[in-house]
C-alpha cells in the first residue's frame, strides 16, 4: 500500500466577512496551521473557493506525476 495523499493541500481561510485567504497547508498531517503559506487573497468567497479547487486539482495531478510534495501547483509571484 502506497502513501495516502492528503485530500486538499490548498484551503480557504475566512479572515473577515470580506477577506478570504487561500493558503497552502504545509504540515504533513494535513491540518491547517499558523505557518501555512498565504497564496492569494480574495474579497469574494466564491472566487476563493474556485481558485482553491483549481489549484488542488492541479496539485493532485502533480503529486501523481512527480510524487507527493515535490511540486507546488500555486507558485509564488515573481
C-alpha atoms as a PDB file:
ATOM      1  CA  UNK A   1       0.000   0.000   0.000  1.00  0.00           C
ATOM      2  CA  UNK A   2       1.462   3.375  -1.060  1.00  0.00           C
ATOM      3  CA  UNK A   3       1.389   6.714   0.730  1.00  0.00           C
ATOM      4  CA  UNK A   4      -2.039   8.172   1.158  1.00  0.00           C
ATOM      5  CA  UNK A   5      -2.139  11.645  -0.353  1.00  0.00           C
ATOM      6  CA  UNK A   6      -3.721  14.492   1.561  1.00  0.00           C
ATOM      7  CA  UNK A   7      -7.115  15.340   0.106  1.00  0.00           C
ATOM      8  CA  UNK A   8      -6.650  19.097  -0.268  1.00  0.00           C
ATOM      9  CA  UNK A   9      -3.361  20.940   0.066  1.00  0.00           C
ATOM     10  CA  UNK A  10      -4.915  24.379  -0.510  1.00  0.00           C
ATOM     11  CA  UNK A  11      -7.787  25.703   1.581  1.00  0.00           C
ATOM     12  CA  UNK A  12      -9.805  28.876   2.136  1.00  0.00           C
ATOM     13  CA  UNK A  13      -9.409  30.700   5.428  1.00  0.00           C
ATOM     14  CA  UNK A  14     -12.086  33.254   6.314  1.00  0.00           C
ATOM     15  CA  UNK A  15     -10.195  36.203   7.744  1.00  0.00           C
ATOM     16  CA  UNK A  16     -13.099  38.668   7.963  1.00  0.00           C
ATOM     17  CA  UNK A  17     -16.559  38.991   6.438  1.00  0.00           C
ATOM     18  CA  UNK A  18     -14.953  40.413   3.294  1.00  0.00           C
ATOM     19  CA  UNK A  19     -11.472  38.846   3.229  1.00  0.00           C
ATOM     20  CA  UNK A  20     -10.858  35.235   2.214  1.00  0.00           C
ATOM     21  CA  UNK A  21      -7.359  33.788   2.048  1.00  0.00           C
ATOM     22  CA  UNK A  22      -6.239  30.774   0.045  1.00  0.00           C
ATOM     23  CA  UNK A  23      -3.467  29.087   1.993  1.00  0.00           C
ATOM     24  CA  UNK A  24      -1.200  26.114   1.343  1.00  0.00           C
ATOM     25  CA  UNK A  25      -1.179  23.536   4.114  1.00  0.00           C
ATOM     26  CA  UNK A  26       2.454  22.752   4.913  1.00  0.00           C
ATOM     27  CA  UNK A  27       2.023  20.170   7.674  1.00  0.00           C
ATOM     28  CA  UNK A  28       2.280  16.509   6.781  1.00  0.00           C
ATOM     29  CA  UNK A  29      -0.776  15.658   8.890  1.00  0.00           C
ATOM     30  CA  UNK A  30      -2.970  17.790   6.612  1.00  0.00           C
ATOM     31  CA  UNK A  31      -4.197  20.100   9.354  1.00  0.00           C
ATOM     32  CA  UNK A  32      -4.209  23.903   8.899  1.00  0.00           C
ATOM     33  CA  UNK A  33      -1.521  25.669  10.930  1.00  0.00           C
ATOM     34  CA  UNK A  34      -0.339  29.207  11.648  1.00  0.00           C
ATOM     35  CA  UNK A  35       2.683  28.857   9.391  1.00  0.00           C
ATOM     36  CA  UNK A  36       0.740  27.836   6.275  1.00  0.00           C
ATOM     37  CA  UNK A  37       1.803  29.823   3.232  1.00  0.00           C
ATOM     38  CA  UNK A  38      -0.533  32.578   2.036  1.00  0.00           C
ATOM     39  CA  UNK A  39      -1.185  32.006  -1.655  1.00  0.00           C
ATOM     40  CA  UNK A  40      -3.775  34.594  -2.633  1.00  0.00           C
ATOM     41  CA  UNK A  41      -6.392  36.897  -1.058  1.00  0.00           C
ATOM     42  CA  UNK A  42      -9.935  37.403  -2.333  1.00  0.00           C
ATOM     43  CA  UNK A  43     -12.848  39.649  -1.397  1.00  0.00           C
ATOM     44  CA  UNK A  44     -15.463  37.193  -2.690  1.00  0.00           C
ATOM     45  CA  UNK A  45     -15.756  33.741  -1.063  1.00  0.00           C
ATOM     46  CA  UNK A  46     -16.911  32.064  -4.280  1.00  0.00           C
ATOM     47  CA  UNK A  47     -13.784  33.234  -6.133  1.00  0.00           C
ATOM     48  CA  UNK A  48     -11.547  31.950  -3.338  1.00  0.00           C
ATOM     49  CA  UNK A  49     -13.305  28.561  -3.392  1.00  0.00           C
ATOM     50  CA  UNK A  50     -12.963  28.293  -7.187  1.00  0.00           C
ATOM     51  CA  UNK A  51      -9.254  29.147  -7.032  1.00  0.00           C
ATOM     52  CA  UNK A  52      -8.591  26.677  -4.195  1.00  0.00           C
ATOM     53  CA  UNK A  53     -10.426  23.916  -6.082  1.00  0.00           C
ATOM     54  CA  UNK A  54      -8.446  24.654  -9.260  1.00  0.00           C
ATOM     55  CA  UNK A  55      -5.028  24.550  -7.574  1.00  0.00           C
ATOM     56  CA  UNK A  56      -5.988  21.419  -5.599  1.00  0.00           C
ATOM     57  CA  UNK A  57      -6.882  19.681  -8.860  1.00  0.00           C
ATOM     58  CA  UNK A  58      -3.541  20.743 -10.384  1.00  0.00           C
ATOM     59  CA  UNK A  59      -1.758  19.626  -7.204  1.00  0.00           C
ATOM     60  CA  UNK A  60      -3.272  16.136  -7.357  1.00  0.00           C
ATOM     61  CA  UNK A  61      -2.048  15.788 -10.955  1.00  0.00           C
ATOM     62  CA  UNK A  62       1.455  16.977  -9.983  1.00  0.00           C
ATOM     63  CA  UNK A  63       1.532  14.602  -6.999  1.00  0.00           C
ATOM     64  CA  UNK A  64       0.582  11.667  -9.233  1.00  0.00           C
ATOM     65  CA  UNK A  65       3.185  12.600 -11.841  1.00  0.00           C
ATOM     66  CA  UNK A  66       6.135  13.682  -9.668  1.00  0.00           C
ATOM     67  CA  UNK A  67       5.404  12.388  -6.189  1.00  0.00           C
ATOM     68  CA  UNK A  68       3.791  13.921  -3.155  1.00  0.00           C
ATOM     69  CA  UNK A  69       5.103  17.345  -2.041  1.00  0.00           C
ATOM     70  CA  UNK A  70       7.719  17.617  -4.792  1.00  0.00           C
ATOM     71  CA  UNK A  71       5.986  20.394  -6.773  1.00  0.00           C
ATOM     72  CA  UNK A  72       3.627  23.269  -5.936  1.00  0.00           C
ATOM     73  CA  UNK A  73       0.540  23.986  -8.044  1.00  0.00           C
ATOM     74  CA  UNK A  74       0.311  27.573  -6.808  1.00  0.00           C
ATOM     75  CA  UNK A  75       3.646  29.247  -7.369  1.00  0.00           C
ATOM     76  CA  UNK A  76       4.718  32.372  -5.547  1.00  0.00           C
ATOM     77  CA  UNK A  77       4.571  35.560  -7.642  1.00  0.00           C
ATOM     78  CA  UNK A  78       7.878  36.605  -9.143  1.00  0.00           C
END
